[in-house]
Structures are given as structure tokens and as C-alpha cells.
Amino acid sequence: MKIAITSKGDALESQVDPRFGRAPYVLIVDSESNEFEPLNNLENVNRLKGAGIHAATMISEKGAEVLMTGYCGPNAITTLNAAKIKVILEVGGTVKDALESFREGNLSFSDAPNVDGHWT
């Protein structure tokens, strides 16, 4: 399964970035092999509008089935739901820690935003 995790860096040891649309990186991780592809999301960091929608499209095109992040606004949630990407919110720690929590079944899915749009 491919899992997208917002990140402050391009490695599994990087901290999870709580901002979905404006995180500098999104790591696409294969949950079985731990192989990953860091996606540079810097184009969206300074986007005036639609950062979450563009990030959702980007991870959908990479085949992500799950998104793990801190906060996600209403437009991004709508786009993720339409792409059939399950969302786990309020994730923290390192990307590696988040993956371990996912594997242990300690996280739950959400289909509602946990922040108003344009959170920076």
C-alpha cells in the first residue's frame, strides 16, 4: 500500500509537517517494503489558493491510498475523498514513527476537515 506522509524533509527520519497543502515534502512510502519517494511540494508552499487541492492531485497521481498529516482543510478533504484516498489527521513525530503507529493500528481515519481552509 502506498502511504503519503507530509514531511519537513526528504527522509524517513524527518518530522511530520502538520500542514498538508503547504508541507515542503510529501513522502510516498510503500508500507510493505519501506521504500519511499520524496515529492518536492515547494511549488505549493507559497501558493495563494488551492495548495491542498494541488497536493491532493499530486499524491493521487502517485497512487497513494492513504494520507497521513496533521491538519487538512475542507477543499483538500473533498478532493482526497473524491480520489478515494483515506485520511489520517493529527499525526506527529517523525515519518518513521507515524508509519509504525499506522502498522500497529493506533491511528484512525477521518473524512472531515480538522481546520478551516488556508491554515499556514
C-alpha atoms as a PDB file:
ATOM      1  CA  MET A   1       0.000   0.000   0.000  1.00  0.00           C
ATOM      2  CA  LYS A   2       1.272   3.485  -0.809  1.00  0.00           C
ATOM      3  CA  ILE A   3       1.024   5.974   2.044  1.00  0.00           C
ATOM      4  CA  ALA A   4       1.584   9.723   1.610  1.00  0.00           C
ATOM      5  CA  ILE A   5       3.024  11.481   4.666  1.00  0.00           C
ATOM      6  CA  THR A   6       3.607  15.228   4.876  1.00  0.00           C
ATOM      7  CA  SER A   7       7.158  15.964   5.920  1.00  0.00           C
ATOM      8  CA  LYS A   8       9.554  18.777   6.766  1.00  0.00           C
ATOM      9  CA  GLY A   9      12.353  16.889   4.996  1.00  0.00           C
ATOM     10  CA  ASP A  10      13.015  14.237   2.398  1.00  0.00           C
ATOM     11  CA  ALA A  11      13.873  11.289   4.698  1.00  0.00           C
ATOM     12  CA  LEU A  12      12.002   8.833   6.939  1.00  0.00           C
ATOM     13  CA  GLU A  13      13.738  10.423   9.952  1.00  0.00           C
ATOM     14  CA  SER A  14      12.231  13.845   9.084  1.00  0.00           C
ATOM     15  CA  GLN A  15       9.497  15.351  11.229  1.00  0.00           C
ATOM     16  CA  VAL A  16       5.922  15.112  10.003  1.00  0.00           C
ATOM     17  CA  ASP A  17       4.782  18.528   8.783  1.00  0.00           C
ATOM     18  CA  PRO A  18       1.305  19.285  10.131  1.00  0.00           C
ATOM     19  CA  ARG A  19       0.344  21.289   7.023  1.00  0.00           C
ATOM     20  CA  PHE A  20      -0.972  19.143   4.199  1.00  0.00           C
ATOM     21  CA  GLY A  21      -1.017  21.523   1.258  1.00  0.00           C
ATOM     22  CA  ARG A  22       1.954  23.611   2.350  1.00  0.00           C
ATOM     23  CA  ALA A  23       4.358  20.960   3.644  1.00  0.00           C
ATOM     24  CA  PRO A  24       7.711  21.236   1.832  1.00  0.00           C
ATOM     25  CA  TYR A  25       7.729  17.493   1.127  1.00  0.00           C
ATOM     26  CA  VAL A  26       5.315  14.617   0.880  1.00  0.00           C
ATOM     27  CA  LEU A  27       6.888  11.176   1.186  1.00  0.00           C
ATOM     28  CA  ILE A  28       5.166   8.376  -0.722  1.00  0.00           C
ATOM     29  CA  VAL A  29       6.039   5.242   1.256  1.00  0.00           C
ATOM     30  CA  ASP A  30       5.407   1.611   0.335  1.00  0.00           C
ATOM     31  CA  SER A  31       4.075   0.219   3.622  1.00  0.00           C
ATOM     32  CA  GLU A  32       5.461  -3.267   2.968  1.00  0.00           C
ATOM     33  CA  SER A  33       8.975  -2.538   1.696  1.00  0.00           C
ATOM     34  CA  ASN A  34       9.568   0.864   3.371  1.00  0.00           C
ATOM     35  CA  GLU A  35      10.833   2.147   0.014  1.00  0.00           C
ATOM     36  CA  PHE A  36       9.849   5.765  -0.468  1.00  0.00           C
ATOM     37  CA  GLU A  37       9.813   8.609  -2.937  1.00  0.00           C
ATOM     38  CA  PRO A  38      10.121  12.167  -1.607  1.00  0.00           C
ATOM     39  CA  LEU A  39       7.918  14.575  -3.547  1.00  0.00           C
ATOM     40  CA  ASN A  40       9.026  18.178  -3.544  1.00  0.00           C
ATOM     41  CA  ASN A  41       5.953  20.246  -2.687  1.00  0.00           C
ATOM     42  CA  LEU A  42       7.697  23.644  -2.603  1.00  0.00           C
ATOM     43  CA  GLU A  43       5.591  24.854  -5.533  1.00  0.00           C
ATOM     44  CA  ASN A  44       2.555  24.720  -3.242  1.00  0.00           C
ATOM     45  CA  VAL A  45       4.184  26.258  -0.149  1.00  0.00           C
ATOM     46  CA  ASN A  46       3.685  29.836  -1.380  1.00  0.00           C
ATOM     47  CA  ARG A  47       0.550  29.225  -3.433  1.00  0.00           C
ATOM     48  CA  LEU A  48      -2.091  31.848  -2.638  1.00  0.00           C
ATOM     49  CA  LYS A  49      -5.014  29.425  -3.016  1.00  0.00           C
ATOM     50  CA  GLY A  50      -5.588  25.759  -3.726  1.00  0.00           C
ATOM     51  CA  ALA A  51      -2.437  24.305  -2.150  1.00  0.00           C
ATOM     52  CA  GLY A  52      -4.370  21.392  -0.629  1.00  0.00           C
ATOM     53  CA  ILE A  53      -6.198  20.627  -3.858  1.00  0.00           C
ATOM     54  CA  HIS A  54      -2.935  20.598  -5.836  1.00  0.00           C
ATOM     55  CA  ALA A  55      -1.184  18.443  -3.217  1.00  0.00           C
ATOM     56  CA  ALA A  56      -4.126  16.017  -3.222  1.00  0.00           C
ATOM     57  CA  THR A  57      -3.911  15.726  -7.001  1.00  0.00           C
ATOM     58  CA  MET A  58      -0.152  15.149  -6.799  1.00  0.00           C
ATOM     59  CA  ILE A  59      -0.405  12.275  -4.310  1.00  0.00           C
ATOM     60  CA  SER A  60      -3.349  10.750  -6.179  1.00  0.00           C
ATOM     61  CA  GLU A  61      -1.261  10.674  -9.371  1.00  0.00           C
ATOM     62  CA  LYS A  62       1.447   8.794  -7.414  1.00  0.00           C
ATOM     63  CA  GLY A  63      -1.066   6.117  -6.386  1.00  0.00           C
ATOM     64  CA  ALA A  64      -1.335   6.974  -2.680  1.00  0.00           C
ATOM     65  CA  GLU A  65      -4.162   5.161  -0.904  1.00  0.00           C
ATOM     66  CA  VAL A  66      -3.696   6.827   2.492  1.00  0.00           C
ATOM     67  CA  LEU A  67      -2.618  10.321   3.566  1.00  0.00           C
ATOM     68  CA  MET A  68      -1.111  10.954   6.988  1.00  0.00           C
ATOM     69  CA  THR A  69      -0.811  14.598   8.066  1.00  0.00           C
ATOM     70  CA  GLY A  70      -1.576  16.984  10.892  1.00  0.00           C
ATOM     71  CA  TYR A  71      -4.252  19.268   9.512  1.00  0.00           C
ATOM     72  CA  CYS A  72      -6.391  19.209   6.413  1.00  0.00           C
ATOM     73  CA  GLY A  73      -8.895  21.801   5.221  1.00  0.00           C
ATOM     74  CA  PRO A  74     -12.313  21.290   3.642  1.00  0.00           C
ATOM     75  CA  ASN A  75     -11.330  21.649  -0.033  1.00  0.00           C
ATOM     76  CA  ALA A  76      -8.427  19.230   0.312  1.00  0.00           C
ATOM     77  CA  ILE A  77     -10.621  16.696   2.166  1.00  0.00           C
ATOM     78  CA  THR A  78     -13.229  16.907  -0.594  1.00  0.00           C
ATOM     79  CA  THR A  79     -10.550  16.282  -3.238  1.00  0.00           C
ATOM     80  CA  LEU A  80      -9.000  13.415  -1.254  1.00  0.00           C
ATOM     81  CA  ASN A  81     -12.392  11.791  -0.685  1.00  0.00           C
ATOM     82  CA  ALA A  82     -13.172  12.059  -4.410  1.00  0.00           C
ATOM     83  CA  ALA A  83      -9.836  10.342  -5.164  1.00  0.00           C
ATOM     84  CA  LYS A  84     -10.692   7.608  -2.626  1.00  0.00           C
ATOM     85  CA  ILE A  85      -7.635   8.434  -0.511  1.00  0.00           C
ATOM     86  CA  LYS A  86      -8.186   7.665   3.170  1.00  0.00           C
ATOM     87  CA  VAL A  87      -7.007  10.385   5.557  1.00  0.00           C
ATOM     88  CA  ILE A  88      -5.416  10.160   8.994  1.00  0.00           C
ATOM     89  CA  LEU A  89      -5.172  13.507  10.788  1.00  0.00           C
ATOM     90  CA  GLU A  90      -3.309  14.886  13.814  1.00  0.00           C
ATOM     91  CA  VAL A  91      -0.184  12.849  13.061  1.00  0.00           C
ATOM     92  CA  GLY A  92       3.099  13.969  14.640  1.00  0.00           C
ATOM     93  CA  GLY A  93       6.635  12.801  15.346  1.00  0.00           C
ATOM     94  CA  THR A  94       8.887  11.508  12.608  1.00  0.00           C
ATOM     95  CA  VAL A  95       7.682   9.940   9.387  1.00  0.00           C
ATOM     96  CA  LYS A  96       9.130   6.642  10.634  1.00  0.00           C
ATOM     97  CA  ASP A  97       7.169   6.946  13.916  1.00  0.00           C
ATOM     98  CA  ALA A  98       3.968   7.705  12.004  1.00  0.00           C
ATOM     99  CA  LEU A  99       4.457   4.611   9.845  1.00  0.00           C
ATOM    100  CA  GLU A 100       4.966   2.460  12.923  1.00  0.00           C
ATOM    101  CA  SER A 101       1.769   3.811  14.510  1.00  0.00           C
ATOM    102  CA  PHE A 102      -0.089   3.046  11.281  1.00  0.00           C
ATOM    103  CA  ARG A 103       1.237  -0.511  11.176  1.00  0.00           C
ATOM    104  CA  GLU A 104       0.256  -1.056  14.807  1.00  0.00           C
ATOM    105  CA  GLY A 105      -3.291   0.137  14.071  1.00  0.00           C
ATOM    106  CA  ASN A 106      -3.056   3.044  16.509  1.00  0.00           C
ATOM    107  CA  LEU A 107      -4.485   5.645  14.110  1.00  0.00           C
ATOM    108  CA  SER A 108      -7.984   6.175  12.791  1.00  0.00           C
ATOM    109  CA  PHE A 109      -9.305   7.542   9.521  1.00  0.00           C
ATOM    110  CA  SER A 110     -11.258  10.767   9.153  1.00  0.00           C
ATOM    111  CA  ASP A 111     -13.459  12.063   6.351  1.00  0.00           C
ATOM    112  CA  ALA A 112     -13.928  15.570   7.765  1.00  0.00           C
ATOM    113  CA  PRO A 113     -11.522  18.537   7.870  1.00  0.00           C
ATOM    114  CA  ASN A 114      -9.957  19.470  11.192  1.00  0.00           C
ATOM    115  CA  VAL A 115      -9.117  23.064  10.244  1.00  0.00           C
ATOM    116  CA  ASP A 116     -10.651  25.854   8.191  1.00  0.00           C
ATOM    117  CA  GLY A 117      -9.068  26.453   4.803  1.00  0.00           C
ATOM    118  CA  HIS A 118      -5.824  28.400   4.335  1.00  0.00           C
ATOM    119  CA  TRP A 119      -4.086  27.276   7.533  1.00  0.00           C
ATOM    120  CA  THR A 120      -0.403  28.322   7.392  1.00  0.00           C
END
